[in-house]
Amino acid sequence: MTLLFVDIDGVLNVGVGDKGNAPFSLNTDNIAIAATKPAKSRCAQLLLGVACKQVDHENTTYGELCKGSPQLADIYVKRLAEIIAAAKSQGQLMCVLSSTWRTHNVKGVRVLEQKVSKVLGQRWTFDEETDTQEFRGRGGRLENIGNFLSDWSETTTADFANVRALVLEDFHITPLDGWSCHEKDMTCARDVDAWLRTCLPPKMNAATCLIHTYDEWMTASGLLLQVGSGLTMKHFHKAMAFLNNTAGNGQLAIAGVKADGSPHGSDESTESDGSNDGSLEQSEDSTVDF
């Protein structure tokens, strides 16, 4: 049994953080507008700085990856569909919408479902969604996902040989820099994995994995760029590796966390400082007001 938690902003599109202000979307329209603005425009600098950034493990830039509709990047939607297909081929799958789109952009959710259905060649919709009453910020998002896991494990009547929780999340375009959830510090992906594992029964044969779609870097001029990077190839490969490495019915022990909840090492290092608790609000008009 796989539970796949899907955030949308910063996972299926590219979000650009602007510390102290609401983040905005990197899309073809906004890039074109930014290119016409004065060089000193902060908004234009942020957008163009992200657009031209070469993406790790991909022979392309964020400006190319974000192509599609203003709200959804085509390549990321395709990669989500591939993750869904892989999980379904290995057993039962529950897709859980954890994005603010569940209340703020319901029409956009329907569009996403149609796009994924087209890639899969069959009708697909989200099975469940996390609680709409969510505390603000990254800690609130993680807690809400954990609560869903706890409630599900307490109410499910099925006896699954193993359970996997795969979380696609950018935590509102913020790093894992020590923020807390239930008094547990989140300094790297394995901290999140370990905390999520505590939300499932200790005796359950289960594994958890966060795919943290976040990137940041400093420009030559000293401008900090924080990005909800979306499902880049690096993140896509990690998600697929998690599914493939936990596909059997044996005792689960993977890179994120062992079946008993203890850390098992990770390729994720502690991430650097920076924060922005605002979620990337999407509407039918996703152009930036410069």
Protein backbone atom coordinates (compact mmCIF):
# COMPACT_ATOMS: atom_id res chain seq x y z
CA MET A 1 0.00 0.00 0.00
CA THR A 2 1.37 3.39 -1.01
CA LEU A 3 0.10 6.73 0.23
CA LEU A 4 1.26 9.49 -2.10
CA PHE A 5 0.93 13.03 -0.73
CA VAL A 6 0.96 15.66 -3.46
CA ASP A 7 1.59 19.37 -2.98
CA ILE A 8 1.17 21.35 -6.20
CA ASP A 9 2.83 24.76 -5.95
CA GLY A 10 6.58 24.24 -6.02
CA VAL A 11 6.09 20.59 -6.99
CA LEU A 12 4.18 20.68 -10.27
CA ASN A 13 5.26 24.21 -11.10
CA VAL A 14 8.22 26.42 -10.22
CA GLY A 15 7.67 28.90 -7.40
CA VAL A 16 9.96 31.84 -6.70
CA GLY A 17 10.25 33.06 -3.11
CA ASP A 18 10.46 36.74 -2.26
CA LYS A 19 11.36 36.99 1.42
CA GLY A 20 8.78 39.01 3.32
CA ASN A 21 6.39 39.02 0.36
CA ALA A 22 4.11 36.50 -1.30
CA PRO A 23 5.94 34.13 -3.66
CA PHE A 24 5.07 34.03 -7.32
CA SER A 25 5.04 31.65 -10.25
CA LEU A 26 7.79 31.16 -12.79
CA ASN A 27 6.02 30.65 -16.09
CA THR A 28 6.48 31.67 -19.70
CA ASP A 29 4.23 34.72 -19.43
CA ASN A 30 5.97 36.09 -16.35
CA ILE A 31 9.42 35.51 -17.84
CA ALA A 32 8.43 37.45 -20.96
CA ILE A 33 7.09 40.34 -18.88
CA ALA A 34 10.18 40.37 -16.64
CA ALA A 35 12.44 40.65 -19.69
CA THR A 36 10.81 43.99 -20.58
CA LYS A 37 11.24 45.53 -17.13
CA PRO A 38 14.07 47.77 -15.87
CA ALA A 39 17.15 45.89 -14.70
CA LYS A 40 16.71 47.26 -11.17
CA SER A 41 13.26 45.72 -10.74
CA ARG A 42 13.62 43.23 -7.87
CA CYS A 43 10.77 41.09 -9.14
CA ALA A 44 12.31 40.91 -12.60
CA GLN A 45 15.73 40.07 -11.13
CA LEU A 46 14.25 37.19 -9.15
CA LEU A 47 12.31 35.78 -12.09
CA LEU A 48 15.10 36.08 -14.63
CA GLY A 49 17.70 34.83 -12.15
CA VAL A 50 15.69 31.64 -11.65
CA ALA A 51 14.72 31.28 -15.31
CA CYS A 52 18.33 31.13 -16.50
CA LYS A 53 19.57 28.81 -13.74
CA GLN A 54 20.94 25.50 -14.99
CA VAL A 55 19.18 22.68 -13.13
CA ASP A 56 21.25 19.94 -11.47
CA HIS A 57 21.11 16.59 -13.28
CA GLU A 58 19.24 18.11 -16.23
CA ASN A 59 20.58 19.63 -19.41
CA THR A 60 18.20 22.56 -19.16
CA THR A 61 17.11 25.59 -17.11
CA TYR A 62 14.17 26.33 -14.84
CA GLY A 63 12.91 28.63 -17.58
CA GLU A 64 12.57 25.60 -19.86
CA LEU A 65 11.21 23.21 -17.22
CA CYS A 66 8.37 25.54 -16.27
CA LYS A 67 6.80 25.47 -19.74
CA GLY A 68 3.18 24.40 -19.98
CA SER A 69 0.14 26.21 -18.67
CA PRO A 70 0.68 29.23 -16.37
CA GLN A 71 -0.08 27.05 -13.35
CA LEU A 72 1.29 23.60 -14.26
CA ALA A 73 4.58 22.57 -15.87
CA ASP A 74 4.00 19.87 -18.47
CA ILE A 75 7.17 17.90 -17.68
CA TYR A 76 6.38 17.82 -13.95
CA VAL A 77 2.83 16.62 -14.58
CA LYS A 78 4.25 13.83 -16.75
CA ARG A 79 6.71 12.85 -14.01
CA LEU A 80 3.92 12.78 -11.43
CA ALA A 81 1.96 10.48 -13.73
CA GLU A 82 4.98 8.18 -14.00
CA ILE A 83 5.30 8.05 -10.20
CA ILE A 84 1.59 7.21 -9.93
CA ALA A 85 1.90 4.48 -12.56
CA ALA A 86 4.93 2.96 -10.84
CA ALA A 87 3.21 2.91 -7.44
CA LYS A 88 0.03 1.39 -8.88
CA SER A 89 2.01 -1.33 -10.62
CA GLN A 90 3.33 -2.43 -7.23
CA GLY A 91 0.03 -2.59 -5.37
CA GLN A 92 -2.72 -0.41 -3.97
CA LEU A 93 -2.27 3.36 -4.16
CA MET A 94 -3.98 6.25 -2.39
CA CYS A 95 -3.26 9.72 -3.78
CA VAL A 96 -3.75 12.45 -1.20
CA LEU A 97 -3.95 16.14 -2.11
CA SER A 98 -2.08 18.17 0.51
CA SER A 99 -1.88 21.45 -1.44
CA THR A 100 -3.77 24.66 -0.63
CA TRP A 101 -5.34 24.15 -4.06
CA ARG A 102 -7.83 21.83 -2.32
CA THR A 103 -9.61 24.99 -1.14
CA HIS A 104 -8.08 27.91 -3.09
CA ASN A 105 -8.01 26.52 -6.62
CA VAL A 106 -10.46 23.65 -6.99
CA LYS A 107 -10.79 24.33 -10.72
CA GLY A 108 -7.02 23.98 -11.06
CA VAL A 109 -7.18 20.60 -9.29
CA ARG A 110 -9.70 19.36 -11.87
CA VAL A 111 -7.39 20.56 -14.66
CA LEU A 112 -4.47 18.69 -13.08
CA GLU A 113 -6.52 15.51 -12.79
CA GLN A 114 -7.44 15.76 -16.48
CA LYS A 115 -3.80 16.26 -17.48
CA VAL A 116 -2.60 13.29 -15.44
CA SER A 117 -5.46 11.17 -16.83
CA LYS A 118 -4.34 12.01 -20.36
CA VAL A 119 -0.76 10.90 -19.64
CA LEU A 120 -1.91 7.70 -17.93
CA GLY A 121 -4.43 6.89 -20.64
CA GLN A 122 -7.18 6.37 -18.05
CA ARG A 123 -9.28 8.45 -15.68
CA TRP A 124 -7.44 9.52 -12.55
CA THR A 125 -8.49 11.66 -9.60
CA PHE A 126 -7.21 12.29 -6.09
CA ASP A 127 -8.58 9.75 -3.63
CA GLU A 128 -8.39 11.89 -0.51
CA GLU A 129 -7.17 15.24 0.76
CA THR A 130 -5.65 16.43 4.01
CA ASP A 131 -7.66 18.45 6.51
CA THR A 132 -8.56 21.92 5.22
CA GLN A 133 -8.06 23.27 8.76
CA GLU A 134 -4.29 23.47 8.64
CA PHE A 135 -2.03 25.58 10.81
CA ARG A 136 -0.10 28.11 8.77
CA GLY A 137 3.46 27.48 7.71
CA ARG A 138 5.71 24.52 7.13
CA GLY A 139 5.19 22.99 10.57
CA GLY A 140 1.45 23.12 10.03
CA ARG A 141 1.76 21.39 6.67
CA LEU A 142 3.89 18.56 8.06
CA GLU A 143 1.60 18.13 11.07
CA ASN A 144 -1.42 17.91 8.77
CA ILE A 145 0.19 15.15 6.71
CA GLY A 146 1.17 13.32 9.90
CA ASN A 147 -2.38 13.60 11.23
CA PHE A 148 -3.71 12.07 8.03
CA LEU A 149 -1.31 9.13 8.37
CA SER A 150 -2.33 8.60 12.01
CA ASP A 151 -6.05 8.79 11.27
CA TRP A 152 -5.74 6.50 8.27
CA SER A 153 -3.76 3.86 10.16
CA GLU A 154 -6.30 3.90 12.99
CA THR A 155 -9.33 3.51 10.74
CA THR A 156 -8.14 1.23 7.94
CA THR A 157 -9.47 -2.30 8.20
CA ALA A 158 -7.15 -3.79 5.58
CA ASP A 159 -4.09 -5.78 6.57
CA PHE A 160 -1.31 -4.59 4.26
CA ALA A 161 1.99 -6.46 3.98
CA ASN A 162 3.77 -3.12 3.88
CA VAL A 163 2.89 0.56 3.85
CA ARG A 164 4.82 3.35 2.15
CA ALA A 165 4.27 7.07 2.52
CA LEU A 166 5.81 9.20 -0.23
CA VAL A 167 5.53 12.96 0.29
CA LEU A 168 6.08 15.47 -2.55
CA GLU A 169 6.44 18.83 -0.82
CA ASP A 170 8.37 22.12 -0.92
CA PHE A 171 7.09 23.39 2.46
CA HIS A 172 6.11 26.79 1.05
CA ILE A 173 9.48 27.36 -0.64
CA THR A 174 11.53 26.96 2.53
CA PRO A 175 14.59 24.93 3.53
CA LEU A 176 14.81 22.33 6.25
CA ASP A 177 16.77 24.65 8.50
CA GLY A 178 15.73 23.53 11.97
CA TRP A 179 12.08 24.54 12.12
CA SER A 180 10.08 22.33 14.41
CA CYS A 181 7.03 20.12 14.36
CA HIS A 182 5.81 18.76 17.67
CA GLU A 183 9.09 19.88 19.24
CA LYS A 184 11.15 17.89 16.74
CA ASP A 185 13.70 19.89 14.72
CA MET A 186 13.63 19.41 10.95
CA THR A 187 17.18 19.89 9.68
CA CYS A 188 17.18 17.42 6.78
CA ALA A 189 14.88 15.07 4.88
CA ARG A 190 15.58 12.13 7.18
CA ASP A 191 14.29 14.17 10.17
CA VAL A 192 10.99 14.55 8.34
CA ASP A 193 11.01 10.87 7.36
CA ALA A 194 11.62 9.81 10.95
CA TRP A 195 8.87 12.05 12.36
CA LEU A 196 6.36 10.82 9.78
CA ARG A 197 7.22 7.25 10.70
CA THR A 198 6.16 7.97 14.29
CA CYS A 199 2.70 8.82 12.96
CA LEU A 200 2.23 5.17 11.96
CA PRO A 201 1.97 2.23 14.39
CA PRO A 202 5.41 0.94 15.49
CA LYS A 203 4.52 -2.64 14.56
CA MET A 204 3.40 -1.68 11.04
CA ASN A 205 5.89 -2.64 8.33
CA ALA A 206 6.21 0.87 6.90
CA ALA A 207 8.62 3.28 5.28
CA THR A 208 8.43 7.03 4.70
CA CYS A 209 10.16 9.33 2.24
CA LEU A 210 10.10 13.10 1.73
CA ILE A 211 10.88 14.49 -1.70
CA HIS A 212 11.73 18.07 -0.79
CA THR A 213 11.40 20.08 -4.00
CA TYR A 214 13.40 23.07 -2.87
CA ASP A 215 16.46 24.81 -4.24
CA GLU A 216 18.40 27.94 -3.31
CA TRP A 217 21.52 29.75 -4.41
CA MET A 218 23.19 33.15 -4.24
CA THR A 219 23.70 35.19 -7.39
CA ALA A 220 26.97 36.93 -8.21
CA SER A 221 25.34 40.19 -7.09
CA GLY A 222 24.46 38.73 -3.69
CA LEU A 223 20.76 38.11 -4.32
CA LEU A 224 19.39 35.03 -2.54
CA LEU A 225 17.13 32.98 -4.78
CA GLN A 226 14.79 30.49 -3.10
CA VAL A 227 12.80 28.22 -5.35
CA GLY A 228 10.08 25.63 -5.14
CA SER A 229 11.91 23.70 -7.84
CA GLY A 230 9.26 21.21 -8.84
CA LEU A 231 9.87 17.57 -9.73
CA THR A 232 13.30 17.95 -11.24
CA MET A 233 15.04 14.81 -12.46
CA LYS A 234 16.96 14.57 -9.18
CA HIS A 235 13.72 14.50 -7.17
CA PHE A 236 11.94 12.26 -9.66
CA HIS A 237 14.74 9.68 -9.49
CA LYS A 238 14.70 9.73 -5.68
CA ALA A 239 10.94 9.13 -5.64
CA MET A 240 11.21 6.26 -8.13
CA ALA A 241 14.12 4.74 -6.21
CA PHE A 242 12.07 4.80 -3.01
CA LEU A 243 9.21 2.99 -4.73
CA ASN A 244 11.48 0.43 -6.36
CA ASN A 245 13.54 -0.22 -3.22
CA THR A 246 10.43 -0.84 -1.11
CA ALA A 247 8.39 -2.82 -3.65
CA GLY A 248 8.78 -6.22 -1.98
CA ASN A 249 6.93 -7.65 0.99
CA GLY A 250 10.01 -8.02 3.18
CA GLN A 251 10.97 -5.86 6.14
CA LEU A 252 11.25 -2.30 4.91
CA ALA A 253 14.56 -0.52 5.46
CA ILE A 254 15.35 2.29 3.06
CA ALA A 255 17.46 5.43 2.86
CA GLY A 256 15.04 7.63 4.73
CA VAL A 257 14.02 5.62 7.80
CA LYS A 258 13.83 2.01 8.90
CA ALA A 259 10.58 0.20 9.49
CA ASP A 260 10.98 0.72 13.24
CA GLY A 261 11.25 4.49 12.80
CA SER A 262 14.99 4.90 13.38
CA PRO A 263 17.10 6.89 10.88
CA HIS A 264 18.95 4.85 8.29
CA GLY A 265 21.20 7.47 6.71
CA SER A 266 20.40 9.74 3.80
CA ASP A 267 21.93 11.54 0.86
CA GLU A 268 20.30 14.72 2.10
CA SER A 269 22.58 17.14 3.93
CA THR A 270 21.46 19.86 6.32
CA GLU A 271 20.03 22.71 4.30
CA SER A 272 20.97 26.34 4.67
CA ASP A 273 19.06 29.12 6.33
CA GLY A 274 16.14 31.03 4.82
CA SER A 275 12.40 31.08 5.29
CA ASN A 276 9.13 32.11 3.73
CA ASP A 277 5.99 30.70 5.28
CA GLY A 278 3.68 31.95 2.54
CA SER A 279 2.24 29.44 0.11
CA LEU A 280 2.27 30.16 -3.60
CA GLU A 281 -1.28 31.22 -4.25
CA GLN A 282 -2.38 30.37 -7.77
CA SER A 283 -5.37 31.78 -9.64
CA GLU A 284 -6.55 31.65 -13.21
CA ASP A 285 -4.35 34.71 -13.79
CA SER A 286 -0.82 33.70 -12.75
CA THR A 287 0.98 36.74 -14.14
CA VAL A 288 3.05 38.84 -11.77
CA ASP A 289 2.06 42.41 -10.96
CA PHE A 290 5.35 44.25 -11.46
